[in-house]
N, C-alpha and C. Protein backbone atom coordinates (compact mmCIF):
# COMPACT_ATOMS: atom_id res chain seq x y z
N MET A 1 1.95 4.31 -9.89
CA MET A 1 2.33 3.65 -8.56
C MET A 1 0.91 3.46 -7.84
N LYS A 2 0.05 4.07 -7.98
CA LYS A 2 -1.21 3.89 -7.15
C LYS A 2 -1.80 2.84 -7.77
N ASP A 3 -1.82 2.48 -9.10
CA ASP A 3 -2.61 1.23 -9.62
C ASP A 3 -1.79 0.07 -9.15
N LEU A 4 -0.49 0.12 -9.11
CA LEU A 4 0.33 -1.02 -8.63
C LEU A 4 -0.07 -1.49 -7.19
N LEU A 5 -0.10 -0.47 -6.40
CA LEU A 5 -0.55 -0.77 -4.93
C LEU A 5 -2.00 -1.33 -4.79
N VAL A 6 -2.83 -0.70 -5.66
CA VAL A 6 -4.31 -1.32 -5.62
C VAL A 6 -4.29 -2.73 -6.05
N PHE A 7 -3.57 -3.14 -7.12
CA PHE A 7 -3.48 -4.46 -7.63
C PHE A 7 -2.96 -5.46 -6.49
N ILE A 8 -1.79 -5.14 -5.91
CA ILE A 8 -1.06 -5.82 -4.89
C ILE A 8 -2.03 -6.02 -3.73
N ALA A 9 -2.81 -4.96 -3.37
CA ALA A 9 -3.62 -4.98 -2.18
C ALA A 9 -4.75 -5.96 -2.44
N LYS A 10 -5.42 -5.73 -3.45
CA LYS A 10 -6.60 -6.54 -3.89
C LYS A 10 -6.32 -8.10 -4.03
N SER A 11 -5.09 -8.25 -4.38
CA SER A 11 -4.65 -9.74 -4.63
C SER A 11 -4.56 -10.28 -3.23
N LEU A 12 -4.31 -9.64 -2.22
CA LEU A 12 -4.25 -10.25 -0.76
C LEU A 12 -5.30 -10.27 0.03
N VAL A 13 -6.32 -9.46 -0.07
CA VAL A 13 -7.39 -9.40 0.73
C VAL A 13 -8.62 -10.13 0.43
N GLU A 14 -9.58 -10.33 1.39
CA GLU A 14 -10.89 -11.13 1.19
C GLU A 14 -11.88 -10.09 0.73
N HIS A 15 -11.69 -8.75 1.06
CA HIS A 15 -12.73 -7.72 0.79
C HIS A 15 -11.99 -6.83 -0.19
N PRO A 16 -11.88 -7.18 -1.49
CA PRO A 16 -11.25 -6.29 -2.61
C PRO A 16 -11.98 -5.05 -2.78
N ASP A 17 -13.35 -5.05 -2.50
CA ASP A 17 -14.15 -3.83 -2.76
C ASP A 17 -13.91 -2.81 -1.78
N CYS A 18 -13.17 -3.14 -0.64
CA CYS A 18 -12.95 -2.02 0.39
C CYS A 18 -11.68 -1.40 0.41
N VAL A 19 -10.93 -1.81 -0.76
CA VAL A 19 -9.47 -1.39 -0.95
C VAL A 19 -9.61 0.08 -1.51
N GLU A 20 -8.78 1.00 -0.97
CA GLU A 20 -8.79 2.31 -1.56
C GLU A 20 -7.42 2.73 -1.21
N VAL A 21 -6.91 3.57 -2.18
CA VAL A 21 -5.62 4.10 -2.12
C VAL A 21 -5.72 5.65 -2.54
N THR A 22 -5.12 6.39 -1.69
CA THR A 22 -5.15 7.94 -1.77
C THR A 22 -3.75 8.33 -1.90
N GLU A 23 -3.46 8.98 -3.03
CA GLU A 23 -2.05 9.43 -3.35
C GLU A 23 -1.94 11.03 -2.98
N ILE A 24 -1.05 11.16 -2.33
CA ILE A 24 -0.74 12.70 -1.74
C ILE A 24 0.70 12.91 -2.17
N VAL A 25 0.73 13.94 -3.05
CA VAL A 25 2.12 14.17 -3.74
C VAL A 25 2.74 15.35 -3.04
N ARG A 26 3.89 15.16 -2.37
CA ARG A 26 4.65 16.22 -1.74
C ARG A 26 5.86 16.46 -2.55
N ASP A 27 6.58 17.42 -2.10
CA ASP A 27 7.79 17.87 -2.91
C ASP A 27 8.83 16.86 -3.06
N ASP A 28 9.15 16.12 -1.93
CA ASP A 28 10.22 15.01 -2.00
C ASP A 28 9.75 13.76 -2.06
N ALA A 29 8.22 13.47 -1.96
CA ALA A 29 7.84 12.14 -1.77
C ALA A 29 6.42 12.02 -2.19
N THR A 30 5.93 10.78 -2.48
CA THR A 30 4.66 10.47 -2.75
C THR A 30 4.05 9.66 -1.56
N VAL A 31 3.07 10.00 -0.91
CA VAL A 31 2.45 9.21 0.31
C VAL A 31 1.32 8.53 -0.28
N LEU A 32 1.37 7.15 -0.19
CA LEU A 32 0.11 6.28 -0.60
C LEU A 32 -0.55 5.80 0.62
N GLU A 33 -1.71 6.15 0.90
CA GLU A 33 -2.49 5.73 1.98
C GLU A 33 -3.35 4.68 1.60
N LEU A 34 -3.02 3.41 2.01
CA LEU A 34 -3.58 2.09 1.71
C LEU A 34 -4.82 1.91 2.86
N ARG A 35 -6.05 1.87 2.41
CA ARG A 35 -7.14 1.55 3.46
C ARG A 35 -7.79 0.20 2.91
N VAL A 36 -7.87 -0.60 3.95
CA VAL A 36 -8.33 -1.91 3.82
C VAL A 36 -9.35 -2.27 4.73
N HIS A 37 -10.21 -3.31 4.65
CA HIS A 37 -11.27 -3.59 5.82
C HIS A 37 -10.46 -4.04 7.00
N LYS A 38 -11.19 -3.78 8.08
CA LYS A 38 -10.48 -4.29 9.34
C LYS A 38 -10.03 -5.71 9.43
N ASP A 39 -10.73 -6.66 8.85
CA ASP A 39 -10.44 -8.14 8.89
C ASP A 39 -9.46 -8.47 8.09
N ASP A 40 -9.11 -7.55 7.10
CA ASP A 40 -7.99 -7.72 6.15
C ASP A 40 -6.65 -7.24 6.62
N MET A 41 -6.59 -6.40 7.78
CA MET A 41 -5.39 -5.99 8.37
C MET A 41 -4.26 -7.02 8.53
N GLY A 42 -4.59 -8.13 8.98
CA GLY A 42 -3.57 -9.00 9.19
C GLY A 42 -2.94 -9.68 8.05
N LYS A 43 -3.73 -9.79 6.84
CA LYS A 43 -3.28 -10.25 5.66
C LYS A 43 -2.21 -9.17 5.04
N VAL A 44 -2.55 -7.90 5.09
CA VAL A 44 -1.84 -6.91 4.59
C VAL A 44 -0.46 -6.68 5.28
N ILE A 45 -0.70 -6.68 6.66
CA ILE A 45 0.65 -6.68 7.51
C ILE A 45 1.34 -7.86 7.53
N GLY A 46 0.83 -9.13 7.71
CA GLY A 46 1.45 -10.32 7.75
C GLY A 46 2.24 -10.41 9.17
N LYS A 47 2.84 -11.74 9.19
CA LYS A 47 3.60 -12.01 10.53
C LYS A 47 4.80 -11.13 10.73
N GLN A 48 4.91 -10.51 11.71
CA GLN A 48 5.85 -9.39 12.05
C GLN A 48 6.15 -8.54 11.00
N GLY A 49 5.11 -8.17 10.34
CA GLY A 49 5.12 -7.11 9.28
C GLY A 49 5.81 -7.34 8.10
N ARG A 50 5.96 -8.74 7.75
CA ARG A 50 6.80 -9.12 6.43
C ARG A 50 6.07 -8.69 5.30
N ILE A 51 4.75 -8.90 5.18
CA ILE A 51 3.97 -8.52 3.78
C ILE A 51 4.02 -7.17 3.63
N ALA A 52 3.84 -6.26 4.80
CA ALA A 52 3.86 -4.75 4.70
C ALA A 52 5.30 -4.30 4.24
N LYS A 53 6.21 -5.02 4.77
CA LYS A 53 7.79 -4.60 4.26
C LYS A 53 7.86 -4.99 2.92
N ALA A 54 7.45 -6.04 2.44
CA ALA A 54 7.63 -6.45 1.02
C ALA A 54 6.78 -5.37 0.11
N ILE A 55 5.54 -5.09 0.44
CA ILE A 55 4.68 -4.05 -0.09
C ILE A 55 5.63 -2.67 -0.32
N ARG A 56 6.12 -2.33 0.76
CA ARG A 56 6.86 -1.08 0.82
C ARG A 56 8.15 -1.09 -0.09
N SER A 57 8.68 -2.26 -0.07
CA SER A 57 9.93 -2.42 -1.01
C SER A 57 9.68 -2.46 -2.39
N VAL A 58 8.44 -3.05 -2.86
CA VAL A 58 8.04 -2.99 -4.28
C VAL A 58 7.63 -1.57 -4.82
N MET A 59 7.07 -0.71 -3.75
CA MET A 59 6.51 0.57 -3.92
C MET A 59 7.66 1.37 -4.03
N LYS A 60 8.74 1.25 -3.28
CA LYS A 60 10.05 1.86 -3.21
C LYS A 60 10.89 1.82 -4.62
N ALA A 61 10.85 0.56 -5.08
CA ALA A 61 11.50 0.23 -6.36
C ALA A 61 10.65 0.85 -7.56
N ALA A 62 9.46 0.76 -7.45
CA ALA A 62 8.65 1.39 -8.58
C ALA A 62 8.88 2.90 -8.46
N ALA A 63 8.97 3.48 -7.34
CA ALA A 63 9.19 5.04 -7.18
C ALA A 63 10.45 5.29 -7.63
N GLY A 64 11.47 4.46 -7.50
CA GLY A 64 12.78 4.88 -8.02
C GLY A 64 12.79 4.76 -9.34
N ARG A 65 12.04 4.10 -10.15
CA ARG A 65 12.07 4.23 -11.61
C ARG A 65 11.51 5.46 -11.95
N GLU A 66 10.60 6.16 -11.23
CA GLU A 66 10.12 7.55 -11.60
C GLU A 66 10.92 8.70 -10.80
N ASN A 67 12.03 8.25 -10.33
CA ASN A 67 12.91 9.14 -9.64
C ASN A 67 12.22 9.98 -8.51
N THR A 68 11.52 9.33 -7.53
CA THR A 68 10.89 9.81 -6.53
C THR A 68 10.83 8.91 -5.34
N LYS A 69 10.36 9.19 -4.16
CA LYS A 69 10.13 8.29 -3.09
C LYS A 69 8.69 8.04 -2.81
N ALA A 70 8.52 6.85 -2.18
CA ALA A 70 7.13 6.36 -1.87
C ALA A 70 7.06 6.02 -0.66
N ILE A 71 6.07 6.59 0.26
CA ILE A 71 5.92 6.01 1.57
C ILE A 71 4.36 5.56 1.55
N VAL A 72 4.37 4.41 1.94
CA VAL A 72 3.09 3.73 2.12
C VAL A 72 2.48 3.56 3.54
N ASP A 73 1.24 4.06 3.83
CA ASP A 73 0.65 4.04 5.09
C ASP A 73 -0.60 3.13 4.98
N ILE A 74 -0.74 2.04 5.92
CA ILE A 74 -1.74 1.26 5.86
C ILE A 74 -2.75 1.58 7.09
N ILE A 75 -4.05 1.93 6.53
CA ILE A 75 -5.04 2.23 7.51
C ILE A 75 -6.25 1.20 7.39
N ASP A 76 -6.88 1.01 8.47
CA ASP A 76 -8.07 0.11 8.36
C ASP A 76 -9.39 0.91 8.23
N VAL A 77 -10.33 0.40 7.51
CA VAL A 77 -11.64 1.04 7.32
C VAL A 77 -12.62 0.21 8.09
N ASP A 78 -13.49 0.92 8.92
CA ASP A 78 -14.54 0.21 9.51
C ASP A 78 -15.73 -0.23 8.69
């Protein structure tokens, strides 16, 4: 799932070298922390959060195939 999120994020941003994903596995879910350059936050979130919602939907579907839950947190990097 981590590789899928990296691929999606790098496709959207202008600074693909600043994209980092940290995967934290918990008992009931996997938390994916997506870190992008502060200038790319708008591109990853989108108008009214539509892009972020779409990314979360795709990750939720991918997690469902692995019988787990996925939580995506988007964080900016200075």
